[in-house]
Amino acid sequence: MPGVPRVLPQPAVVKVARTLRAPVRPEGAH
């Protein structure tokens, strides 16, 4: 997919990691 960088910003990686590890909660959403 062109235009999509391989390395994502640290905050984005951490956010995705938390979403995958922990269940999605309204409190943790924002």
PDB file of N, CA and C in Angstrom:
ATOM      1  N   MET A   1       0.851  -1.194   0.000  1.00  0.00           N
ATOM      2  CA  MET A   1       0.000   0.000   0.000  1.00  0.00           C
ATOM      3  C   MET A   1       0.890   1.249   0.000  1.00  0.00           C
ATOM      4  N   PRO A   2       0.939   1.975  -1.082  1.00  0.00           N
ATOM      5  CA  PRO A   2       1.776   3.175  -1.178  1.00  0.00           C
ATOM      6  C   PRO A   2       1.271   4.288  -0.271  1.00  0.00           C
ATOM      7  N   GLY A   3       2.178   5.054   0.292  1.00  0.00           N
ATOM      8  CA  GLY A   3       1.773   6.171   1.148  1.00  0.00           C
ATOM      9  C   GLY A   3       1.702   5.771   2.604  1.00  0.00           C
ATOM     10  N   VAL A   4       1.837   4.459   2.866  1.00  0.00           N
ATOM     11  CA  VAL A   4       1.782   4.006   4.256  1.00  0.00           C
ATOM     12  C   VAL A   4       3.186   3.664   4.737  1.00  0.00           C
ATOM     13  N   PRO A   5       3.702   4.441   5.680  1.00  0.00           N
ATOM     14  CA  PRO A   5       5.056   4.197   6.186  1.00  0.00           C
ATOM     15  C   PRO A   5       5.136   2.880   6.938  1.00  0.00           C
ATOM     16  N   ARG A   6       6.269   2.199   6.821  1.00  0.00           N
ATOM     17  CA  ARG A   6       6.428   0.920   7.516  1.00  0.00           C
ATOM     18  C   ARG A   6       6.474   1.128   9.023  1.00  0.00           C
ATOM     19  N   VAL A   7       7.221   2.154   9.418  1.00  0.00           N
ATOM     20  CA  VAL A   7       7.371   2.427  10.855  1.00  0.00           C
ATOM     21  C   VAL A   7       6.336   3.458  11.289  1.00  0.00           C
ATOM     22  N   LEU A   8       5.469   3.051  12.188  1.00  0.00           N
ATOM     23  CA  LEU A   8       4.451   3.971  12.688  1.00  0.00           C
ATOM     24  C   LEU A   8       5.000   4.743  13.881  1.00  0.00           C
ATOM     25  N   PRO A   9       4.437   5.922  14.161  1.00  0.00           N
ATOM     26  CA  PRO A   9       4.862   6.707  15.321  1.00  0.00           C
ATOM     27  C   PRO A   9       4.735   5.893  16.601  1.00  0.00           C
ATOM     28  N   GLN A  10       5.615   6.114  17.550  1.00  0.00           N
ATOM     29  CA  GLN A  10       5.589   5.374  18.810  1.00  0.00           C
ATOM     30  C   GLN A  10       4.212   5.401  19.470  1.00  0.00           C
ATOM     31  N   PRO A  11       3.586   6.586  19.622  1.00  0.00           N
ATOM     32  CA  PRO A  11       2.260   6.662  20.260  1.00  0.00           C
ATOM     33  C   PRO A  11       1.255   5.739  19.578  1.00  0.00           C
ATOM     34  N   ALA A  12       1.320   5.681  18.249  1.00  0.00           N
ATOM     35  CA  ALA A  12       0.382   4.837  17.505  1.00  0.00           C
ATOM     36  C   ALA A  12       0.632   3.368  17.816  1.00  0.00           C
ATOM     37  N   VAL A  13       1.909   2.989  17.853  1.00  0.00           N
ATOM     38  CA  VAL A  13       2.258   1.592  18.130  1.00  0.00           C
ATOM     39  C   VAL A  13       1.792   1.200  19.523  1.00  0.00           C
ATOM     40  N   VAL A  14       2.021   2.080  20.482  1.00  0.00           N
ATOM     41  CA  VAL A  14       1.624   1.802  21.866  1.00  0.00           C
ATOM     42  C   VAL A  14       0.107   1.689  21.963  1.00  0.00           C
ATOM     43  N   LYS A  15      -0.593   2.573  21.271  1.00  0.00           N
ATOM     44  CA  LYS A  15      -2.061   2.559  21.302  1.00  0.00           C
ATOM     45  C   LYS A  15      -2.593   1.250  20.745  1.00  0.00           C
ATOM     46  N   VAL A  16      -2.046   0.838  19.602  1.00  0.00           N
ATOM     47  CA  VAL A  16      -2.484  -0.417  18.986  1.00  0.00           C
ATOM     48  C   VAL A  16      -2.137  -1.602  19.877  1.00  0.00           C
ATOM     49  N   ALA A  17      -0.939  -1.550  20.457  1.00  0.00           N
ATOM     50  CA  ALA A  17      -0.497  -2.647  21.323  1.00  0.00           C
ATOM     51  C   ALA A  17      -1.440  -2.791  22.513  1.00  0.00           C
ATOM     52  N   ARG A  18      -1.799  -1.666  23.104  1.00  0.00           N
ATOM     53  CA  ARG A  18      -2.709  -1.707  24.259  1.00  0.00           C
ATOM     54  C   ARG A  18      -4.078  -2.229  23.840  1.00  0.00           C
ATOM     55  N   THR A  19      -4.516  -1.801  22.650  1.00  0.00           N
ATOM     56  CA  THR A  19      -5.835  -2.238  22.173  1.00  0.00           C
ATOM     57  C   THR A  19      -5.857  -3.743  21.952  1.00  0.00           C
ATOM     58  N   LEU A  20      -4.747  -4.271  21.442  1.00  0.00           N
ATOM     59  CA  LEU A  20      -4.684  -5.710  21.168  1.00  0.00           C
ATOM     60  C   LEU A  20      -4.536  -6.503  22.461  1.00  0.00           C
ATOM     61  N   ARG A  21      -3.752  -5.975  23.392  1.00  0.00           N
ATOM     62  CA  ARG A  21      -3.497  -6.707  24.637  1.00  0.00           C
ATOM     63  C   ARG A  21      -4.702  -6.624  25.567  1.00  0.00           C
ATOM     64  N   ALA A  22      -5.212  -5.424  25.764  1.00  0.00           N
ATOM     65  CA  ALA A  22      -6.333  -5.244  26.689  1.00  0.00           C
ATOM     66  C   ALA A  22      -7.637  -5.118  25.907  1.00  0.00           C
ATOM     67  N   PRO A  23      -8.734  -5.569  26.488  1.00  0.00           N
ATOM     68  CA  PRO A  23     -10.046  -5.454  25.840  1.00  0.00           C
ATOM     69  C   PRO A  23     -10.428  -3.990  25.654  1.00  0.00           C
ATOM     70  N   VAL A  24     -11.209  -3.719  24.636  1.00  0.00           N
ATOM     71  CA  VAL A  24     -11.604  -2.337  24.359  1.00  0.00           C
ATOM     72  C   VAL A  24     -12.603  -1.868  25.409  1.00  0.00           C
ATOM     73  N   ARG A  25     -12.241  -0.796  26.108  1.00  0.00           N
ATOM     74  CA  ARG A  25     -13.128  -0.256  27.149  1.00  0.00           C
ATOM     75  C   ARG A  25     -13.435   1.210  26.868  1.00  0.00           C
ATOM     76  N   PRO A  26     -14.647   1.659  27.233  1.00  0.00           N
ATOM     77  CA  PRO A  26     -15.033   3.069  27.040  1.00  0.00           C
ATOM     78  C   PRO A  26     -14.051   3.998  27.749  1.00  0.00           C
ATOM     79  N   GLU A  27     -13.553   3.566  28.914  1.00  0.00           N
ATOM     80  CA  GLU A  27     -12.640   4.398  29.699  1.00  0.00           C
ATOM     81  C   GLU A  27     -11.295   4.516  28.998  1.00  0.00           C
ATOM     82  N   GLY A  28     -10.818   3.418  28.440  1.00  0.00           N
ATOM     83  CA  GLY A  28      -9.509   3.412  27.801  1.00  0.00           C
ATOM     84  C   GLY A  28      -9.568   3.922  26.368  1.00  0.00           C
ATOM     85  N   ALA A  29     -10.778   4.092  25.840  1.00  0.00           N
ATOM     86  CA  ALA A  29     -10.910   4.531  24.455  1.00  0.00           C
ATOM     87  C   ALA A  29     -10.311   5.925  24.285  1.00  0.00           C
ATOM     88  N   HIS A  30     -10.621   6.811  25.215  1.00  0.00           N
ATOM     89  CA  HIS A  30     -10.095   8.180  25.131  1.00  0.00           C
ATOM     90  C   HIS A  30      -9.328   8.497  26.393  1.00  0.00           C
TER      91      HIS A  30
END
